[in-house]
N, C-alpha and C. Protein backbone atom coordinates (compact mmCIF):
# COMPACT_ATOMS: atom_id res chain seq x y z
N MET A 1 210.79 145.17 85.41
CA MET A 1 209.90 145.72 86.40
C MET A 1 208.58 144.96 86.41
N LYS A 2 208.10 144.62 85.18
CA LYS A 2 206.85 143.89 85.11
C LYS A 2 206.96 142.53 85.79
N LYS A 3 208.13 141.87 85.64
CA LYS A 3 208.34 140.56 86.25
C LYS A 3 208.24 140.67 87.77
N ILE A 4 208.83 141.69 88.36
CA ILE A 4 208.81 141.87 89.80
C ILE A 4 207.39 142.12 90.27
N THR A 5 206.65 142.93 89.54
CA THR A 5 205.26 143.22 89.89
C THR A 5 204.42 141.95 89.82
N ILE A 6 204.58 141.17 88.79
CA ILE A 6 203.82 139.93 88.63
C ILE A 6 204.18 138.93 89.73
N ILE A 7 205.46 138.79 90.01
CA ILE A 7 205.91 137.87 91.06
C ILE A 7 205.37 138.32 92.41
N SER A 8 205.44 139.61 92.68
CA SER A 8 204.92 140.14 93.95
C SER A 8 203.42 139.89 94.06
N LEU A 9 202.71 140.12 92.98
CA LEU A 9 201.26 139.91 92.97
C LEU A 9 200.93 138.43 93.20
N LEU A 10 201.67 137.55 92.56
CA LEU A 10 201.45 136.10 92.76
C LEU A 10 201.73 135.70 94.21
N ALA A 11 202.78 136.25 94.78
CA ALA A 11 203.12 135.94 96.17
C ALA A 11 202.01 136.38 97.11
N ILE A 12 201.46 137.54 96.84
CA ILE A 12 200.35 138.05 97.67
C ILE A 12 199.12 137.16 97.52
N LEU A 13 198.81 136.79 96.29
CA LEU A 13 197.64 135.95 96.04
C LEU A 13 197.77 134.57 96.68
N ILE A 14 198.97 134.05 96.74
CA ILE A 14 199.20 132.74 97.36
C ILE A 14 199.09 132.84 98.88
N THR A 15 199.58 133.93 99.47
CA THR A 15 199.60 134.03 100.93
C THR A 15 198.27 134.49 101.53
N ILE A 16 197.44 135.18 100.78
CA ILE A 16 196.16 135.67 101.33
C ILE A 16 195.29 134.53 101.86
N PRO A 17 195.09 133.44 101.12
CA PRO A 17 194.25 132.36 101.68
C PRO A 17 194.82 131.75 102.96
N MET A 18 196.12 131.85 103.16
CA MET A 18 196.73 131.27 104.35
C MET A 18 196.62 132.18 105.57
N MET A 19 196.37 133.46 105.34
CA MET A 19 196.32 134.41 106.45
C MET A 19 195.15 134.07 107.37
N GLY A 20 195.39 134.15 108.64
CA GLY A 20 194.35 133.88 109.62
C GLY A 20 194.20 132.41 109.96
N LYS A 21 194.88 131.55 109.24
CA LYS A 21 194.79 130.12 109.54
C LYS A 21 195.88 129.76 110.53
N SER A 22 195.47 129.06 111.54
CA SER A 22 196.42 128.63 112.57
C SER A 22 197.21 127.43 112.08
N GLN A 23 198.42 127.34 112.52
CA GLN A 23 199.25 126.20 112.17
C GLN A 23 199.02 125.03 113.13
N SER A 24 198.19 125.23 114.16
CA SER A 24 197.92 124.15 115.10
C SER A 24 196.94 123.16 114.49
N LYS A 25 196.89 121.97 115.10
CA LYS A 25 195.99 120.93 114.62
C LYS A 25 194.54 121.33 114.87
N PRO A 26 193.64 120.92 113.99
CA PRO A 26 192.23 121.23 114.23
C PRO A 26 191.73 120.46 115.45
N PRO A 27 190.65 120.92 116.08
CA PRO A 27 190.15 120.21 117.24
C PRO A 27 189.80 118.77 116.88
N ALA A 28 190.04 117.88 117.83
CA ALA A 28 189.76 116.47 117.60
C ALA A 28 188.27 116.24 117.50
N SER A 29 187.90 115.32 116.64
CA SER A 29 186.52 114.87 116.60
C SER A 29 186.55 113.35 116.77
N ILE A 30 185.44 112.81 117.19
CA ILE A 30 185.37 111.39 117.51
C ILE A 30 184.87 110.61 116.30
N PRO A 31 185.64 109.62 115.85
CA PRO A 31 185.11 108.74 114.81
C PRO A 31 184.19 107.72 115.48
N TRP A 32 182.93 107.71 115.11
CA TRP A 32 181.96 106.79 115.70
C TRP A 32 181.84 105.56 114.82
N TYR A 33 181.87 104.40 115.46
CA TYR A 33 181.81 103.13 114.76
C TYR A 33 180.52 102.38 115.11
N THR A 34 180.24 101.36 114.31
CA THR A 34 179.18 100.43 114.67
C THR A 34 179.75 99.44 115.68
N VAL A 35 178.89 98.72 116.34
CA VAL A 35 179.35 97.68 117.28
C VAL A 35 180.23 96.68 116.55
N GLU A 36 179.78 96.25 115.38
CA GLU A 36 180.52 95.25 114.61
C GLU A 36 181.93 95.75 114.24
N LYS A 37 182.02 96.98 113.78
CA LYS A 37 183.31 97.54 113.36
C LYS A 37 184.25 97.69 114.56
N ALA A 38 183.75 98.22 115.67
CA ALA A 38 184.61 98.43 116.86
C ALA A 38 185.12 97.10 117.41
N THR A 39 184.26 96.11 117.48
CA THR A 39 184.71 94.82 118.02
C THR A 39 185.70 94.15 117.08
N ALA A 40 185.52 94.34 115.77
CA ALA A 40 186.49 93.81 114.81
C ALA A 40 187.84 94.52 114.96
N MET A 41 187.81 95.82 115.11
CA MET A 41 189.04 96.58 115.31
C MET A 41 189.73 96.16 116.61
N ASN A 42 188.93 95.83 117.59
CA ASN A 42 189.46 95.46 118.90
C ASN A 42 190.20 94.12 118.86
N THR A 43 189.94 93.29 117.88
CA THR A 43 190.68 92.03 117.77
C THR A 43 192.10 92.28 117.24
N LYS A 44 192.26 93.38 116.50
CA LYS A 44 193.57 93.70 115.94
C LYS A 44 194.41 94.55 116.88
N LYS A 45 193.78 95.54 117.49
CA LYS A 45 194.45 96.41 118.45
C LYS A 45 193.51 96.62 119.63
N HIS A 46 193.88 96.04 120.77
CA HIS A 46 193.00 96.09 121.94
C HIS A 46 192.93 97.49 122.53
N LYS A 47 191.71 97.94 122.67
CA LYS A 47 191.38 99.18 123.35
C LYS A 47 190.07 98.92 124.08
N LYS A 48 189.75 99.77 124.97
CA LYS A 48 188.42 99.69 125.57
C LYS A 48 187.42 100.27 124.56
N ILE A 49 186.17 99.88 124.72
CA ILE A 49 185.11 100.36 123.85
C ILE A 49 184.11 101.12 124.70
N LEU A 50 183.71 102.28 124.21
CA LEU A 50 182.65 103.05 124.84
C LEU A 50 181.46 103.01 123.89
N ILE A 51 180.33 102.53 124.38
CA ILE A 51 179.12 102.47 123.57
C ILE A 51 178.14 103.51 124.10
N ASP A 52 177.86 104.49 123.28
CA ASP A 52 176.88 105.53 123.62
C ASP A 52 175.51 105.03 123.18
N VAL A 53 174.69 104.63 124.15
CA VAL A 53 173.34 104.14 123.86
C VAL A 53 172.40 105.34 123.93
N TYR A 54 171.76 105.63 122.81
CA TYR A 54 170.96 106.85 122.68
C TYR A 54 169.65 106.53 121.96
N THR A 55 168.79 107.51 121.88
CA THR A 55 167.61 107.44 121.01
C THR A 55 167.52 108.75 120.24
N SER A 56 166.80 108.73 119.15
CA SER A 56 166.69 109.94 118.31
C SER A 56 165.86 111.03 118.99
N TRP A 57 165.00 110.67 119.94
CA TRP A 57 164.13 111.65 120.59
C TRP A 57 164.69 112.17 121.92
N CYS A 58 165.84 111.69 122.34
CA CYS A 58 166.42 112.03 123.65
C CYS A 58 167.15 113.38 123.60
N SER A 59 166.60 114.38 124.29
CA SER A 59 167.22 115.71 124.27
C SER A 59 168.56 115.71 125.01
N TRP A 60 168.70 114.93 126.08
CA TRP A 60 169.97 114.87 126.81
C TRP A 60 171.05 114.20 125.96
N CYS A 61 170.66 113.25 125.12
CA CYS A 61 171.61 112.61 124.20
C CYS A 61 172.15 113.65 123.21
N LYS A 62 171.26 114.48 122.71
CA LYS A 62 171.66 115.52 121.77
C LYS A 62 172.56 116.56 122.44
N LYS A 63 172.28 116.87 123.69
CA LYS A 63 173.11 117.81 124.45
C LYS A 63 174.50 117.20 124.68
N MET A 64 174.53 115.91 124.95
CA MET A 64 175.81 115.21 125.15
C MET A 64 176.65 115.29 123.86
N ASP A 65 176.01 115.06 122.72
CA ASP A 65 176.71 115.17 121.43
C ASP A 65 177.22 116.59 121.19
N ALA A 66 176.36 117.56 121.41
CA ALA A 66 176.68 118.95 121.09
C ALA A 66 177.72 119.55 122.02
N GLU A 67 177.71 119.17 123.29
CA GLU A 67 178.59 119.81 124.26
C GLU A 67 179.75 118.92 124.72
N THR A 68 179.46 117.72 125.15
CA THR A 68 180.49 116.89 125.76
C THR A 68 181.34 116.18 124.72
N PHE A 69 180.70 115.46 123.79
CA PHE A 69 181.47 114.72 122.79
C PHE A 69 182.16 115.65 121.79
N SER A 70 181.73 116.88 121.69
CA SER A 70 182.39 117.83 120.79
C SER A 70 183.51 118.60 121.48
N ASP A 71 183.66 118.40 122.79
CA ASP A 71 184.74 119.06 123.52
C ASP A 71 186.08 118.48 123.05
N PRO A 72 187.03 119.32 122.65
CA PRO A 72 188.31 118.82 122.11
C PRO A 72 189.08 117.92 123.08
N THR A 73 189.04 118.22 124.36
CA THR A 73 189.77 117.41 125.34
C THR A 73 189.14 116.03 125.47
N VAL A 74 187.82 115.99 125.55
CA VAL A 74 187.10 114.71 125.64
C VAL A 74 187.34 113.91 124.37
N ALA A 75 187.21 114.54 123.22
CA ALA A 75 187.38 113.85 121.94
C ALA A 75 188.79 113.27 121.82
N ALA A 76 189.79 114.05 122.16
CA ALA A 76 191.17 113.57 122.06
C ALA A 76 191.41 112.39 123.00
N TYR A 77 190.89 112.48 124.21
CA TYR A 77 191.08 111.39 125.18
C TYR A 77 190.36 110.12 124.72
N MET A 78 189.14 110.30 124.23
CA MET A 78 188.40 109.13 123.74
C MET A 78 189.12 108.49 122.56
N ASN A 79 189.60 109.29 121.64
CA ASN A 79 190.29 108.75 120.47
C ASN A 79 191.54 107.96 120.85
N GLU A 80 192.21 108.40 121.88
CA GLU A 80 193.43 107.72 122.30
C GLU A 80 193.15 106.40 123.03
N HIS A 81 192.10 106.37 123.83
CA HIS A 81 191.89 105.24 124.73
C HIS A 81 190.71 104.33 124.41
N PHE A 82 189.81 104.74 123.52
CA PHE A 82 188.59 103.98 123.28
C PHE A 82 188.27 103.90 121.79
N TYR A 83 187.55 102.85 121.43
CA TYR A 83 186.79 102.82 120.19
C TYR A 83 185.41 103.30 120.59
N ALA A 84 184.91 104.31 119.91
CA ALA A 84 183.62 104.90 120.26
C ALA A 84 182.53 104.35 119.34
N VAL A 85 181.43 103.94 119.96
CA VAL A 85 180.31 103.35 119.24
C VAL A 85 179.04 104.13 119.54
N LYS A 86 178.24 104.36 118.53
CA LYS A 86 176.89 104.91 118.70
C LYS A 86 175.93 103.74 118.51
N LEU A 87 175.07 103.51 119.49
CA LEU A 87 174.07 102.45 119.40
C LEU A 87 172.70 103.05 119.66
N ASN A 88 171.90 103.13 118.62
CA ASN A 88 170.53 103.60 118.76
C ASN A 88 169.75 102.49 119.48
N ALA A 89 169.23 102.79 120.65
CA ALA A 89 168.52 101.79 121.45
C ALA A 89 167.26 101.29 120.75
N GLU A 90 166.82 101.99 119.72
CA GLU A 90 165.64 101.59 118.97
C GLU A 90 166.00 101.18 117.54
N GLU A 91 167.24 100.78 117.35
CA GLU A 91 167.73 100.34 116.04
C GLU A 91 166.78 99.30 115.44
N LYS A 92 166.54 99.42 114.17
CA LYS A 92 165.61 98.51 113.48
C LYS A 92 166.31 97.26 112.94
N LEU A 93 167.59 97.39 112.60
CA LEU A 93 168.32 96.30 111.94
C LEU A 93 168.99 95.38 112.95
N PRO A 94 169.24 94.12 112.56
CA PRO A 94 169.97 93.20 113.43
C PRO A 94 171.41 93.67 113.63
N ILE A 95 171.96 93.33 114.79
CA ILE A 95 173.34 93.67 115.10
C ILE A 95 174.03 92.41 115.60
N LYS A 96 175.21 92.16 115.07
CA LYS A 96 176.00 91.00 115.51
C LYS A 96 177.00 91.46 116.57
N PHE A 97 176.98 90.77 117.69
CA PHE A 97 177.93 91.06 118.77
C PHE A 97 178.34 89.75 119.41
N GLU A 98 179.63 89.48 119.43
CA GLU A 98 180.18 88.27 120.02
C GLU A 98 179.49 87.01 119.46
N ASP A 99 179.45 86.91 118.16
CA ASP A 99 178.90 85.75 117.44
C ASP A 99 177.42 85.48 117.68
N LYS A 100 176.68 86.49 118.11
CA LYS A 100 175.25 86.34 118.30
C LYS A 100 174.56 87.52 117.62
N TYR A 101 173.43 87.24 117.00
CA TYR A 101 172.64 88.30 116.36
C TYR A 101 171.55 88.77 117.32
N TYR A 102 171.44 90.09 117.44
CA TYR A 102 170.42 90.72 118.28
C TYR A 102 169.46 91.47 117.38
N LEU A 103 168.19 91.45 117.74
CA LEU A 103 167.15 92.05 116.91
C LEU A 103 166.33 93.06 117.69
N ASN A 104 165.59 93.85 116.96
CA ASN A 104 164.54 94.65 117.57
C ASN A 104 163.27 93.82 117.41
N PRO A 105 162.64 93.40 118.51
CA PRO A 105 161.50 92.48 118.41
C PRO A 105 160.29 93.08 117.68
N SER A 106 160.15 94.38 117.70
CA SER A 106 159.02 95.04 117.03
C SER A 106 159.53 96.28 116.30
N PRO A 107 160.29 96.08 115.23
CA PRO A 107 160.94 97.21 114.57
C PRO A 107 159.99 98.27 114.00
N ASP A 108 158.74 97.90 113.76
CA ASP A 108 157.79 98.87 113.22
C ASP A 108 157.02 99.61 114.31
N GLN A 109 157.21 99.21 115.53
CA GLN A 109 156.51 99.83 116.66
C GLN A 109 157.36 100.96 117.23
N MET A 110 156.71 102.07 117.60
CA MET A 110 157.43 103.20 118.19
C MET A 110 158.06 102.78 119.52
N ARG A 111 159.26 103.25 119.74
CA ARG A 111 160.01 103.04 120.98
C ARG A 111 160.21 101.58 121.35
N SER A 112 160.32 100.74 120.34
CA SER A 112 160.64 99.34 120.58
C SER A 112 162.15 99.23 120.80
N VAL A 113 162.53 98.61 121.88
CA VAL A 113 163.94 98.56 122.29
C VAL A 113 164.65 97.37 121.64
N HIS A 114 165.82 97.65 121.10
CA HIS A 114 166.66 96.62 120.49
C HIS A 114 167.19 95.69 121.58
N GLU A 115 167.26 94.40 121.27
CA GLU A 115 167.72 93.40 122.25
C GLU A 115 169.13 93.68 122.76
N LEU A 116 170.02 94.14 121.89
CA LEU A 116 171.39 94.40 122.33
C LEU A 116 171.44 95.54 123.34
N ALA A 117 170.69 96.60 123.09
CA ALA A 117 170.64 97.73 124.03
C ALA A 117 170.07 97.26 125.37
N ALA A 118 169.00 96.49 125.33
CA ALA A 118 168.38 96.01 126.58
C ALA A 118 169.33 95.11 127.36
N GLU A 119 170.05 94.25 126.65
CA GLU A 119 171.00 93.36 127.34
C GLU A 119 172.16 94.14 127.94
N MET A 120 172.72 95.05 127.17
CA MET A 120 173.87 95.81 127.66
C MET A 120 173.51 96.71 128.84
N LEU A 121 172.29 97.24 128.82
CA LEU A 121 171.85 98.11 129.91
C LEU A 121 171.15 97.32 131.02
N GLN A 122 171.15 96.02 130.88
CA GLN A 122 170.56 95.12 131.88
C GLN A 122 169.12 95.52 132.20
N GLY A 123 168.40 95.93 131.16
CA GLY A 123 167.00 96.29 131.31
C GLY A 123 166.74 97.66 131.91
N ARG A 124 167.78 98.36 132.34
CA ARG A 124 167.62 99.71 132.91
C ARG A 124 167.71 100.73 131.77
N MET A 125 166.60 100.91 131.11
CA MET A 125 166.58 101.73 129.90
C MET A 125 166.47 103.20 130.26
N GLY A 126 167.57 103.89 130.19
CA GLY A 126 167.64 105.33 130.41
C GLY A 126 168.64 105.90 129.42
N TYR A 127 168.36 107.08 128.93
CA TYR A 127 169.21 107.65 127.89
C TYR A 127 169.62 109.06 128.27
N PRO A 128 170.86 109.41 127.96
CA PRO A 128 171.89 108.57 127.37
C PRO A 128 172.49 107.62 128.41
N SER A 129 173.02 106.51 127.91
CA SER A 129 173.74 105.54 128.74
C SER A 129 175.04 105.20 128.03
N TYR A 130 176.04 104.83 128.82
CA TYR A 130 177.36 104.54 128.27
C TYR A 130 177.80 103.18 128.80
N VAL A 131 178.03 102.27 127.87
CA VAL A 131 178.49 100.94 128.22
C VAL A 131 179.98 100.90 127.93
N PHE A 132 180.75 100.47 128.90
CA PHE A 132 182.20 100.36 128.73
C PHE A 132 182.58 98.89 128.64
N LEU A 133 183.34 98.55 127.59
CA LEU A 133 183.84 97.19 127.40
C LEU A 133 185.35 97.22 127.49
N ASP A 134 185.92 96.10 127.94
CA ASP A 134 187.38 96.02 128.01
C ASP A 134 187.96 95.62 126.66
N GLY A 135 189.24 95.39 126.60
CA GLY A 135 189.92 95.04 125.36
C GLY A 135 189.51 93.70 124.79
N LYS A 136 188.75 92.92 125.57
CA LYS A 136 188.26 91.62 125.09
C LYS A 136 186.74 91.64 124.91
N ASN A 137 186.20 92.84 124.81
CA ASN A 137 184.76 93.05 124.58
C ASN A 137 183.87 92.58 125.73
N GLN A 138 184.43 92.50 126.92
CA GLN A 138 183.65 92.13 128.10
C GLN A 138 183.21 93.40 128.81
N GLN A 139 181.98 93.40 129.28
CA GLN A 139 181.43 94.60 129.90
C GLN A 139 182.12 94.91 131.23
N ILE A 140 182.51 96.18 131.37
CA ILE A 140 183.11 96.69 132.60
C ILE A 140 182.02 97.27 133.48
N THR A 141 181.30 98.24 132.92
CA THR A 141 180.25 98.93 133.69
C THR A 141 179.35 99.72 132.75
N VAL A 142 178.28 100.26 133.33
CA VAL A 142 177.36 101.13 132.62
C VAL A 142 177.25 102.42 133.42
N SER A 143 177.30 103.53 132.71
CA SER A 143 177.09 104.84 133.33
C SER A 143 175.90 105.47 132.62
N GLN A 144 175.03 106.12 133.37
CA GLN A 144 173.84 106.70 132.75
C GLN A 144 173.73 108.19 133.03
N GLY A 145 173.12 108.89 132.08
CA GLY A 145 172.81 110.30 132.26
C GLY A 145 173.78 111.23 131.58
N TYR A 146 173.34 112.47 131.47
CA TYR A 146 174.16 113.52 130.88
C TYR A 146 175.32 113.87 131.80
N ASN A 147 176.47 114.13 131.22
CA ASN A 147 177.65 114.62 131.93
C ASN A 147 178.27 115.75 131.12
N ASN A 148 178.68 116.81 131.80
CA ASN A 148 179.42 117.84 131.07
C ASN A 148 180.82 117.29 130.77
N ALA A 149 181.60 118.02 130.01
CA ALA A 149 182.91 117.54 129.57
C ALA A 149 183.83 117.20 130.74
N LYS A 150 183.87 118.06 131.74
CA LYS A 150 184.76 117.84 132.88
C LYS A 150 184.37 116.56 133.63
N ALA A 151 183.09 116.37 133.89
CA ALA A 151 182.63 115.19 134.62
C ALA A 151 182.83 113.92 133.79
N PHE A 152 182.59 114.01 132.49
CA PHE A 152 182.73 112.82 131.66
C PHE A 152 184.19 112.43 131.50
N LEU A 153 185.08 113.40 131.45
CA LEU A 153 186.50 113.11 131.36
C LEU A 153 186.98 112.33 132.58
N ILE A 154 186.44 112.63 133.74
CA ILE A 154 186.78 111.88 134.96
C ILE A 154 186.35 110.42 134.81
N ILE A 155 185.15 110.21 134.29
CA ILE A 155 184.66 108.83 134.08
C ILE A 155 185.54 108.11 133.07
N LEU A 156 185.88 108.79 131.99
CA LEU A 156 186.74 108.18 130.97
C LEU A 156 188.09 107.76 131.55
N LYS A 157 188.69 108.63 132.34
CA LYS A 157 189.99 108.32 132.94
C LYS A 157 189.87 107.18 133.95
N TYR A 158 188.81 107.17 134.70
CA TYR A 158 188.55 106.10 135.67
C TYR A 158 188.53 104.73 134.98
N ILE A 159 187.91 104.68 133.82
CA ILE A 159 187.84 103.43 133.06
C ILE A 159 189.16 103.15 132.34
N ALA A 160 189.67 104.13 131.60
CA ALA A 160 190.87 103.93 130.78
C ALA A 160 192.09 103.55 131.61
N GLU A 161 192.20 104.12 132.80
CA GLU A 161 193.36 103.86 133.66
C GLU A 161 193.16 102.66 134.58
N ASP A 162 192.09 101.91 134.36
CA ASP A 162 191.77 100.70 135.15
C ASP A 162 191.57 100.97 136.62
N LYS A 163 191.21 102.18 136.98
CA LYS A 163 190.96 102.51 138.39
C LYS A 163 189.72 101.78 138.91
N TYR A 164 188.81 101.40 138.00
CA TYR A 164 187.60 100.67 138.40
C TYR A 164 187.93 99.33 139.04
N LYS A 165 189.13 98.83 138.80
CA LYS A 165 189.55 97.55 139.39
C LYS A 165 189.94 97.70 140.85
N LYS A 166 190.24 98.94 141.28
CA LYS A 166 190.77 99.18 142.62
C LYS A 166 189.84 99.96 143.53
N MET A 167 188.94 100.75 142.93
CA MET A 167 188.10 101.62 143.76
C MET A 167 186.81 101.95 143.04
N SER A 168 185.86 102.47 143.78
CA SER A 168 184.60 102.91 143.18
C SER A 168 184.82 104.25 142.48
N LEU A 169 183.90 104.59 141.61
CA LEU A 169 183.98 105.89 140.94
C LEU A 169 183.90 107.02 141.96
N ALA A 170 183.06 106.86 142.96
CA ALA A 170 182.93 107.89 144.00
C ALA A 170 184.27 108.11 144.72
N GLU A 171 184.98 107.04 145.02
CA GLU A 171 186.30 107.17 145.66
C GLU A 171 187.29 107.86 144.73
N TYR A 172 187.25 107.47 143.46
CA TYR A 172 188.15 108.07 142.47
C TYR A 172 187.89 109.56 142.32
N GLN A 173 186.62 109.94 142.32
CA GLN A 173 186.26 111.35 142.15
C GLN A 173 186.73 112.19 143.34
N LYS A 174 186.88 111.60 144.51
CA LYS A 174 187.33 112.34 145.70
C LYS A 174 188.84 112.57 145.70
N LYS A 175 189.56 111.76 144.93
CA LYS A 175 191.03 111.88 144.89
C LYS A 175 191.40 113.18 144.19
N PRO A 176 192.40 113.89 144.70
CA PRO A 176 192.87 115.11 144.03
C PRO A 176 193.60 114.77 142.73
N ALA A 177 193.67 115.75 141.85
CA ALA A 177 194.42 115.66 140.58
C ALA A 177 193.90 114.58 139.67
N ASN A 178 192.59 114.61 139.37
CA ASN A 178 192.04 113.67 138.40
C ASN A 178 192.39 114.17 137.04
């Protein structure tokens, strides 16, 4: 009788921590890479690259992180189709991209813009901004401003499915069943 009681008690103790836990996969999160890491990965397995150009003081950038990039659907889609990069537009350290080193010309000065961010955004410094590169690290386009998850997913699909080669984003957004 004691054996049955002990075995029953052990079974209960083992199953209690499992109660309430779903057997489904946890929500996807985005692994963020440096420019150097993403471009290196892209030489081995070609994917498009999304570069989130942000600053530490940008409230819309923080909202994008908290709401859009944390959305499970957006995260899963990005993970499947893109290497995701975070690029602080005011980065202090040099960054190597396509065999060239880019610097922040005044790293000790407040709001000094890094050369790579300025080049990728073609001098149109607004945050947040998203630079899309193809599988060969060539720039496709730049999108600027906050987007909710639904709107950003449309942009992601437009780029990932190569629709940008055939139509404008505005035309794509008018098509049913995005």
